[in-house]
Amino acid sequence: MQAGHEKTLTALLPALAGANLIYGAGMTESGVTFDAAQLVIDDEIAKMIMHVVNGVPVNDEALAVDDIHAIGPFSDFLSLEATMRHMREQSQPRLFDRRVREDWQAEGGVDAYESARRRACEIIEGHKPEPIDADVAAAMRRVVEAADREAGVD
Protein backbone atom coordinates (compact mmCIF):
# COMPACT_ATOMS: atom_id res chain seq x y z
CA MET A 1 0.00 0.00 0.00
CA GLN A 2 1.26 3.48 -0.77
CA ALA A 3 1.78 5.30 2.46
CA GLY A 4 1.11 8.89 3.40
CA HIS A 5 1.56 11.45 0.71
CA GLU A 6 3.28 9.05 -1.69
CA LYS A 7 -0.03 9.00 -3.57
CA THR A 8 -0.03 12.80 -3.54
CA LEU A 9 3.32 12.91 -5.30
CA THR A 10 2.29 10.17 -7.71
CA ALA A 11 -0.72 12.28 -8.78
CA LEU A 12 0.64 15.80 -8.31
CA LEU A 13 3.51 15.66 -10.78
CA PRO A 14 1.37 14.50 -13.73
CA ALA A 15 -1.30 17.06 -12.77
CA LEU A 16 1.28 19.84 -12.83
CA ALA A 17 2.34 18.59 -16.25
CA GLY A 18 -1.24 18.94 -17.51
CA ALA A 19 -2.81 15.53 -16.92
CA ASN A 20 -6.46 15.78 -15.93
CA LEU A 21 -7.03 12.23 -14.69
CA ILE A 22 -5.93 10.77 -11.38
CA TYR A 23 -5.79 6.99 -11.58
CA GLY A 24 -6.13 4.51 -8.75
CA ALA A 25 -8.36 6.28 -6.25
CA GLY A 26 -9.12 3.83 -3.47
CA MET A 27 -6.69 1.25 -4.76
CA THR A 28 -3.98 -0.35 -2.67
CA GLU A 29 -1.48 -3.11 -3.39
CA SER A 30 -0.92 -1.96 -6.99
CA GLY A 31 -4.65 -2.03 -7.65
CA VAL A 32 -5.26 -5.54 -6.32
CA THR A 33 -7.30 -4.28 -3.38
CA PHE A 34 -9.89 -1.53 -3.08
CA ASP A 35 -10.25 0.26 0.24
CA ALA A 36 -13.17 2.65 0.85
CA ALA A 37 -11.19 4.58 3.47
CA GLN A 38 -8.34 4.96 0.99
CA LEU A 39 -10.85 6.30 -1.53
CA VAL A 40 -11.86 9.02 0.96
CA ILE A 41 -8.18 9.84 1.56
CA ASP A 42 -7.51 9.91 -2.18
CA ASP A 43 -10.47 12.25 -2.66
CA GLU A 44 -8.91 14.61 -0.13
CA ILE A 45 -5.57 14.36 -1.91
CA ALA A 46 -7.24 15.06 -5.27
CA LYS A 47 -8.88 18.19 -3.85
CA MET A 48 -5.51 19.40 -2.57
CA ILE A 49 -3.93 18.73 -5.96
CA MET A 50 -6.70 20.66 -7.72
CA HIS A 51 -6.09 23.54 -5.34
CA VAL A 52 -2.44 23.60 -6.39
CA VAL A 53 -3.14 23.13 -10.11
CA ASN A 54 -5.65 25.98 -10.09
CA GLY A 55 -2.77 28.25 -9.16
CA VAL A 56 -2.07 30.91 -6.61
CA PRO A 57 -3.27 34.40 -7.41
CA VAL A 58 -0.50 36.94 -7.45
CA ASN A 59 -2.04 40.41 -7.48
CA ASP A 60 -2.16 43.45 -5.22
CA GLU A 61 -5.23 42.15 -3.34
CA ALA A 62 -3.81 38.67 -2.73
CA LEU A 63 -0.46 40.11 -1.71
CA ALA A 64 -2.17 42.67 0.56
CA VAL A 65 -0.04 45.43 -0.93
CA ASP A 66 -2.27 48.24 0.38
CA ASP A 67 -2.44 46.73 3.88
CA ILE A 68 1.32 46.24 4.04
CA HIS A 69 1.88 49.82 2.90
CA ALA A 70 -0.64 51.20 5.42
CA ILE A 71 0.56 49.18 8.42
CA GLY A 72 4.26 49.10 7.67
CA PRO A 73 6.90 46.55 8.59
CA PHE A 74 6.94 44.59 11.85
CA SER A 75 3.22 45.09 12.44
CA ASP A 76 0.32 42.71 13.08
CA PHE A 77 -1.02 41.37 9.80
CA LEU A 78 -2.80 38.36 11.33
CA SER A 79 -5.67 40.42 12.69
CA LEU A 80 -6.47 42.03 9.35
CA GLU A 81 -9.76 41.14 7.66
CA ALA A 82 -7.91 40.48 4.40
CA THR A 83 -5.61 37.99 6.13
CA MET A 84 -8.58 36.05 7.50
CA ARG A 85 -10.34 36.10 4.11
CA HIS A 86 -7.30 34.86 2.22
CA MET A 87 -6.48 32.28 4.87
CA ARG A 88 -9.88 30.68 4.27
CA GLU A 89 -9.10 30.46 0.55
CA GLN A 90 -6.31 28.03 1.28
CA SER A 91 -6.69 24.27 1.18
CA GLN A 92 -9.06 23.14 3.94
CA PRO A 93 -8.53 19.40 4.41
CA ARG A 94 -11.09 17.43 6.38
CA LEU A 95 -8.92 14.41 7.18
CA PHE A 96 -5.41 15.76 7.60
CA ASP A 97 -5.48 17.34 11.03
CA ARG A 98 -3.34 20.45 11.28
CA ARG A 99 -3.82 21.07 14.98
CA VAL A 100 -0.92 20.90 17.42
CA ARG A 101 -0.34 17.42 18.83
CA GLU A 102 -1.69 18.25 22.29
CA ASP A 103 -5.03 19.48 20.89
CA TRP A 104 -5.24 16.50 18.52
CA GLN A 105 -4.57 14.05 21.36
CA ALA A 106 -7.06 15.81 23.66
CA GLU A 107 -9.75 15.19 21.01
CA GLY A 108 -8.91 11.47 20.86
CA GLY A 109 -5.86 11.41 18.57
CA VAL A 110 -7.75 9.91 15.63
CA ASP A 111 -5.41 9.45 12.67
CA ALA A 112 -6.26 10.23 9.05
CA TYR A 113 -6.97 6.61 8.13
CA GLU A 114 -9.45 6.14 10.96
CA SER A 115 -11.12 9.45 10.13
CA ALA A 116 -11.36 8.32 6.51
CA ARG A 117 -12.76 4.93 7.52
CA ARG A 118 -15.44 6.61 9.61
CA ARG A 119 -16.29 9.01 6.77
CA ALA A 120 -16.49 6.12 4.28
CA CYS A 121 -18.93 4.31 6.58
CA GLU A 122 -21.06 7.47 6.88
CA ILE A 123 -21.15 7.83 3.10
CA ILE A 124 -22.00 4.18 2.51
CA GLU A 125 -24.68 4.06 5.21
CA GLY A 126 -26.27 7.39 4.32
CA HIS A 127 -26.07 7.46 0.52
CA LYS A 128 -29.40 7.59 -1.28
CA PRO A 129 -28.67 7.19 -5.01
CA GLU A 130 -30.77 9.03 -7.55
CA PRO A 131 -32.87 6.58 -9.55
CA ILE A 132 -31.65 5.98 -13.09
CA ASP A 133 -33.94 7.29 -15.79
CA ALA A 134 -35.90 4.41 -17.39
CA ASP A 135 -34.54 5.24 -20.86
CA VAL A 136 -30.96 5.19 -19.56
CA ALA A 137 -31.54 1.90 -17.73
CA ALA A 138 -33.00 0.36 -20.90
CA ALA A 139 -30.02 1.56 -22.97
CA MET A 140 -27.62 0.11 -20.40
CA ARG A 141 -29.52 -3.20 -20.44
CA ARG A 142 -29.23 -3.34 -24.26
CA VAL A 143 -25.44 -2.81 -24.04
CA VAL A 144 -25.09 -5.60 -21.48
CA GLU A 145 -27.30 -7.97 -23.48
CA ALA A 146 -25.31 -7.26 -26.65
CA ALA A 147 -22.04 -7.91 -24.81
CA ASP A 148 -23.48 -11.16 -23.38
CA ARG A 149 -24.54 -12.31 -26.88
CA GLU A 150 -21.10 -11.48 -28.28
CA ALA A 151 -19.41 -13.41 -25.48
CA GLY A 152 -21.81 -16.34 -25.83
CA VAL A 153 -23.29 -15.87 -22.37
CA ASP A 154 -26.87 -17.09 -21.98
C-alpha atoms as a PDB file:
ATOM      1  CA  MET A   1       0.000   0.000   0.000  1.00  0.00           C
ATOM      2  CA  GLN A   2       1.258   3.476  -0.773  1.00  0.00           C
ATOM      3  CA  ALA A   3       1.776   5.304   2.458  1.00  0.00           C
ATOM      4  CA  GLY A   4       1.108   8.890   3.398  1.00  0.00           C
ATOM      5  CA  HIS A   5       1.557  11.451   0.706  1.00  0.00           C
ATOM      6  CA  GLU A   6       3.281   9.047  -1.691  1.00  0.00           C
ATOM      7  CA  LYS A   7      -0.034   8.998  -3.565  1.00  0.00           C
ATOM      8  CA  THR A   8      -0.028  12.796  -3.545  1.00  0.00           C
ATOM      9  CA  LEU A   9       3.324  12.911  -5.302  1.00  0.00           C
ATOM     10  CA  THR A  10       2.290  10.165  -7.709  1.00  0.00           C
ATOM     11  CA  ALA A  11      -0.716  12.278  -8.779  1.00  0.00           C
ATOM     12  CA  LEU A  12       0.644  15.802  -8.305  1.00  0.00           C
ATOM     13  CA  LEU A  13       3.509  15.656 -10.778  1.00  0.00           C
ATOM     14  CA  PRO A  14       1.366  14.498 -13.733  1.00  0.00           C
ATOM     15  CA  ALA A  15      -1.301  17.057 -12.767  1.00  0.00           C
ATOM     16  CA  LEU A  16       1.279  19.842 -12.833  1.00  0.00           C
ATOM     17  CA  ALA A  17       2.340  18.587 -16.253  1.00  0.00           C
ATOM     18  CA  GLY A  18      -1.244  18.940 -17.510  1.00  0.00           C
ATOM     19  CA  ALA A  19      -2.814  15.530 -16.917  1.00  0.00           C
ATOM     20  CA  ASN A  20      -6.465  15.776 -15.929  1.00  0.00           C
ATOM     21  CA  LEU A  21      -7.034  12.227 -14.691  1.00  0.00           C
ATOM     22  CA  ILE A  22      -5.933  10.769 -11.384  1.00  0.00           C
ATOM     23  CA  TYR A  23      -5.792   6.994 -11.581  1.00  0.00           C
ATOM     24  CA  GLY A  24      -6.127   4.508  -8.752  1.00  0.00           C
ATOM     25  CA  ALA A  25      -8.355   6.277  -6.252  1.00  0.00           C
ATOM     26  CA  GLY A  26      -9.119   3.831  -3.467  1.00  0.00           C
ATOM     27  CA  MET A  27      -6.689   1.253  -4.764  1.00  0.00           C
ATOM     28  CA  THR A  28      -3.982  -0.347  -2.670  1.00  0.00           C
ATOM     29  CA  GLU A  29      -1.476  -3.105  -3.389  1.00  0.00           C
ATOM     30  CA  SER A  30      -0.921  -1.956  -6.988  1.00  0.00           C
ATOM     31  CA  GLY A  31      -4.646  -2.027  -7.654  1.00  0.00           C
ATOM     32  CA  VAL A  32      -5.257  -5.538  -6.324  1.00  0.00           C
ATOM     33  CA  THR A  33      -7.302  -4.275  -3.382  1.00  0.00           C
ATOM     34  CA  PHE A  34      -9.891  -1.532  -3.080  1.00  0.00           C
ATOM     35  CA  ASP A  35     -10.255   0.263   0.244  1.00  0.00           C
ATOM     36  CA  ALA A  36     -13.175   2.652   0.850  1.00  0.00           C
ATOM     37  CA  ALA A  37     -11.192   4.584   3.474  1.00  0.00           C
ATOM     38  CA  GLN A  38      -8.335   4.958   0.990  1.00  0.00           C
ATOM     39  CA  LEU A  39     -10.846   6.304  -1.531  1.00  0.00           C
ATOM     40  CA  VAL A  40     -11.855   9.016   0.964  1.00  0.00           C
ATOM     41  CA  ILE A  41      -8.182   9.840   1.562  1.00  0.00           C
ATOM     42  CA  ASP A  42      -7.505   9.915  -2.179  1.00  0.00           C
ATOM     43  CA  ASP A  43     -10.472  12.250  -2.661  1.00  0.00           C
ATOM     44  CA  GLU A  44      -8.911  14.613  -0.127  1.00  0.00           C
ATOM     45  CA  ILE A  45      -5.566  14.358  -1.910  1.00  0.00           C
ATOM     46  CA  ALA A  46      -7.235  15.065  -5.273  1.00  0.00           C
ATOM     47  CA  LYS A  47      -8.876  18.188  -3.845  1.00  0.00           C
ATOM     48  CA  MET A  48      -5.515  19.397  -2.569  1.00  0.00           C
ATOM     49  CA  ILE A  49      -3.929  18.728  -5.961  1.00  0.00           C
ATOM     50  CA  MET A  50      -6.700  20.655  -7.724  1.00  0.00           C
ATOM     51  CA  HIS A  51      -6.094  23.535  -5.344  1.00  0.00           C
ATOM     52  CA  VAL A  52      -2.443  23.604  -6.391  1.00  0.00           C
ATOM     53  CA  VAL A  53      -3.141  23.127 -10.106  1.00  0.00           C
ATOM     54  CA  ASN A  54      -5.651  25.980 -10.089  1.00  0.00           C
ATOM     55  CA  GLY A  55      -2.772  28.253  -9.162  1.00  0.00           C
ATOM     56  CA  VAL A  56      -2.071  30.906  -6.609  1.00  0.00           C
ATOM     57  CA  PRO A  57      -3.271  34.403  -7.407  1.00  0.00           C
ATOM     58  CA  VAL A  58      -0.497  36.945  -7.450  1.00  0.00           C
ATOM     59  CA  ASN A  59      -2.036  40.410  -7.479  1.00  0.00           C
ATOM     60  CA  ASP A  60      -2.165  43.449  -5.219  1.00  0.00           C
ATOM     61  CA  GLU A  61      -5.226  42.152  -3.339  1.00  0.00           C
ATOM     62  CA  ALA A  62      -3.810  38.667  -2.729  1.00  0.00           C
ATOM     63  CA  LEU A  63      -0.455  40.105  -1.712  1.00  0.00           C
ATOM     64  CA  ALA A  64      -2.166  42.671   0.556  1.00  0.00           C
ATOM     65  CA  VAL A  65      -0.036  45.428  -0.933  1.00  0.00           C
ATOM     66  CA  ASP A  66      -2.267  48.241   0.376  1.00  0.00           C
ATOM     67  CA  ASP A  67      -2.437  46.732   3.882  1.00  0.00           C
ATOM     68  CA  ILE A  68       1.317  46.242   4.041  1.00  0.00           C
ATOM     69  CA  HIS A  69       1.880  49.818   2.899  1.00  0.00           C
ATOM     70  CA  ALA A  70      -0.638  51.199   5.418  1.00  0.00           C
ATOM     71  CA  ILE A  71       0.558  49.177   8.415  1.00  0.00           C
ATOM     72  CA  GLY A  72       4.255  49.096   7.675  1.00  0.00           C
ATOM     73  CA  PRO A  73       6.897  46.546   8.589  1.00  0.00           C
ATOM     74  CA  PHE A  74       6.945  44.591  11.847  1.00  0.00           C
ATOM     75  CA  SER A  75       3.221  45.092  12.444  1.00  0.00           C
ATOM     76  CA  ASP A  76       0.320  42.710  13.085  1.00  0.00           C
ATOM     77  CA  PHE A  77      -1.021  41.367   9.801  1.00  0.00           C
ATOM     78  CA  LEU A  78      -2.797  38.360  11.330  1.00  0.00           C
ATOM     79  CA  SER A  79      -5.670  40.420  12.691  1.00  0.00           C
ATOM     80  CA  LEU A  80      -6.473  42.035   9.349  1.00  0.00           C
ATOM     81  CA  GLU A  81      -9.763  41.144   7.664  1.00  0.00           C
ATOM     82  CA  ALA A  82      -7.911  40.479   4.400  1.00  0.00           C
ATOM     83  CA  THR A  83      -5.608  37.987   6.134  1.00  0.00           C
ATOM     84  CA  MET A  84      -8.581  36.048   7.501  1.00  0.00           C
ATOM     85  CA  ARG A  85     -10.340  36.095   4.112  1.00  0.00           C
ATOM     86  CA  HIS A  86      -7.298  34.861   2.218  1.00  0.00           C
ATOM     87  CA  MET A  87      -6.480  32.277   4.870  1.00  0.00           C
ATOM     88  CA  ARG A  88      -9.881  30.675   4.273  1.00  0.00           C
ATOM     89  CA  GLU A  89      -9.104  30.463   0.546  1.00  0.00           C
ATOM     90  CA  GLN A  90      -6.306  28.033   1.279  1.00  0.00           C
ATOM     91  CA  SER A  91      -6.693  24.273   1.177  1.00  0.00           C
ATOM     92  CA  GLN A  92      -9.055  23.143   3.938  1.00  0.00           C
ATOM     93  CA  PRO A  93      -8.530  19.396   4.406  1.00  0.00           C
ATOM     94  CA  ARG A  94     -11.091  17.426   6.385  1.00  0.00           C
ATOM     95  CA  LEU A  95      -8.920  14.414   7.177  1.00  0.00           C
ATOM     96  CA  PHE A  96      -5.413  15.757   7.598  1.00  0.00           C
ATOM     97  CA  ASP A  97      -5.480  17.342  11.026  1.00  0.00           C
ATOM     98  CA  ARG A  98      -3.344  20.454  11.275  1.00  0.00           C
ATOM     99  CA  ARG A  99      -3.815  21.074  14.982  1.00  0.00           C
ATOM    100  CA  VAL A 100      -0.917  20.903  17.419  1.00  0.00           C
ATOM    101  CA  ARG A 101      -0.342  17.422  18.832  1.00  0.00           C
ATOM    102  CA  GLU A 102      -1.690  18.254  22.289  1.00  0.00           C
ATOM    103  CA  ASP A 103      -5.030  19.484  20.886  1.00  0.00           C
ATOM    104  CA  TRP A 104      -5.244  16.501  18.522  1.00  0.00           C
ATOM    105  CA  GLN A 105      -4.571  14.052  21.360  1.00  0.00           C
ATOM    106  CA  ALA A 106      -7.061  15.805  23.655  1.00  0.00           C
ATOM    107  CA  GLU A 107      -9.750  15.185  21.010  1.00  0.00           C
ATOM    108  CA  GLY A 108      -8.906  11.466  20.863  1.00  0.00           C
ATOM    109  CA  GLY A 109      -5.864  11.414  18.574  1.00  0.00           C
ATOM    110  CA  VAL A 110      -7.749   9.912  15.626  1.00  0.00           C
ATOM    111  CA  ASP A 111      -5.410   9.445  12.669  1.00  0.00           C
ATOM    112  CA  ALA A 112      -6.259  10.232   9.049  1.00  0.00           C
ATOM    113  CA  TYR A 113      -6.965   6.608   8.127  1.00  0.00           C
ATOM    114  CA  GLU A 114      -9.446   6.138  10.965  1.00  0.00           C
ATOM    115  CA  SER A 115     -11.123   9.452  10.126  1.00  0.00           C
ATOM    116  CA  ALA A 116     -11.359   8.320   6.507  1.00  0.00           C
ATOM    117  CA  ARG A 117     -12.757   4.926   7.522  1.00  0.00           C
ATOM    118  CA  ARG A 118     -15.444   6.608   9.611  1.00  0.00           C
ATOM    119  CA  ARG A 119     -16.291   9.012   6.771  1.00  0.00           C
ATOM    120  CA  ALA A 120     -16.490   6.123   4.276  1.00  0.00           C
ATOM    121  CA  CYS A 121     -18.928   4.312   6.582  1.00  0.00           C
ATOM    122  CA  GLU A 122     -21.063   7.473   6.881  1.00  0.00           C
ATOM    123  CA  ILE A 123     -21.146   7.832   3.104  1.00  0.00           C
ATOM    124  CA  ILE A 124     -22.000   4.177   2.507  1.00  0.00           C
ATOM    125  CA  GLU A 125     -24.684   4.065   5.211  1.00  0.00           C
ATOM    126  CA  GLY A 126     -26.274   7.388   4.316  1.00  0.00           C
ATOM    127  CA  HIS A 127     -26.071   7.465   0.525  1.00  0.00           C
ATOM    128  CA  LYS A 128     -29.396   7.588  -1.282  1.00  0.00           C
ATOM    129  CA  PRO A 129     -28.673   7.195  -5.007  1.00  0.00           C
ATOM    130  CA  GLU A 130     -30.768   9.028  -7.554  1.00  0.00           C
ATOM    131  CA  PRO A 131     -32.870   6.578  -9.553  1.00  0.00           C
ATOM    132  CA  ILE A 132     -31.651   5.978 -13.089  1.00  0.00           C
ATOM    133  CA  ASP A 133     -33.941   7.290 -15.786  1.00  0.00           C
ATOM    134  CA  ALA A 134     -35.902   4.415 -17.389  1.00  0.00           C
ATOM    135  CA  ASP A 135     -34.543   5.240 -20.856  1.00  0.00           C
ATOM    136  CA  VAL A 136     -30.964   5.191 -19.555  1.00  0.00           C
ATOM    137  CA  ALA A 137     -31.543   1.898 -17.735  1.00  0.00           C
ATOM    138  CA  ALA A 138     -32.997   0.358 -20.900  1.00  0.00           C
ATOM    139  CA  ALA A 139     -30.016   1.560 -22.967  1.00  0.00           C
ATOM    140  CA  MET A 140     -27.622   0.112 -20.400  1.00  0.00           C
ATOM    141  CA  ARG A 141     -29.515  -3.203 -20.444  1.00  0.00           C
ATOM    142  CA  ARG A 142     -29.228  -3.338 -24.261  1.00  0.00           C
ATOM    143  CA  VAL A 143     -25.442  -2.805 -24.039  1.00  0.00           C
ATOM    144  CA  VAL A 144     -25.094  -5.601 -21.479  1.00  0.00           C
ATOM    145  CA  GLU A 145     -27.298  -7.971 -23.476  1.00  0.00           C
ATOM    146  CA  ALA A 146     -25.311  -7.264 -26.651  1.00  0.00           C
ATOM    147  CA  ALA A 147     -22.037  -7.914 -24.808  1.00  0.00           C
ATOM    148  CA  ASP A 148     -23.481 -11.156 -23.384  1.00  0.00           C
ATOM    149  CA  ARG A 149     -24.538 -12.310 -26.877  1.00  0.00           C
ATOM    150  CA  GLU A 150     -21.100 -11.477 -28.278  1.00  0.00           C
ATOM    151  CA  ALA A 151     -19.414 -13.407 -25.484  1.00  0.00           C
ATOM    152  CA  GLY A 152     -21.809 -16.345 -25.831  1.00  0.00           C
ATOM    153  CA  VAL A 153     -23.290 -15.873 -22.375  1.00  0.00           C
ATOM    154  CA  ASP A 154     -26.873 -17.087 -21.980  1.00  0.00           C
END
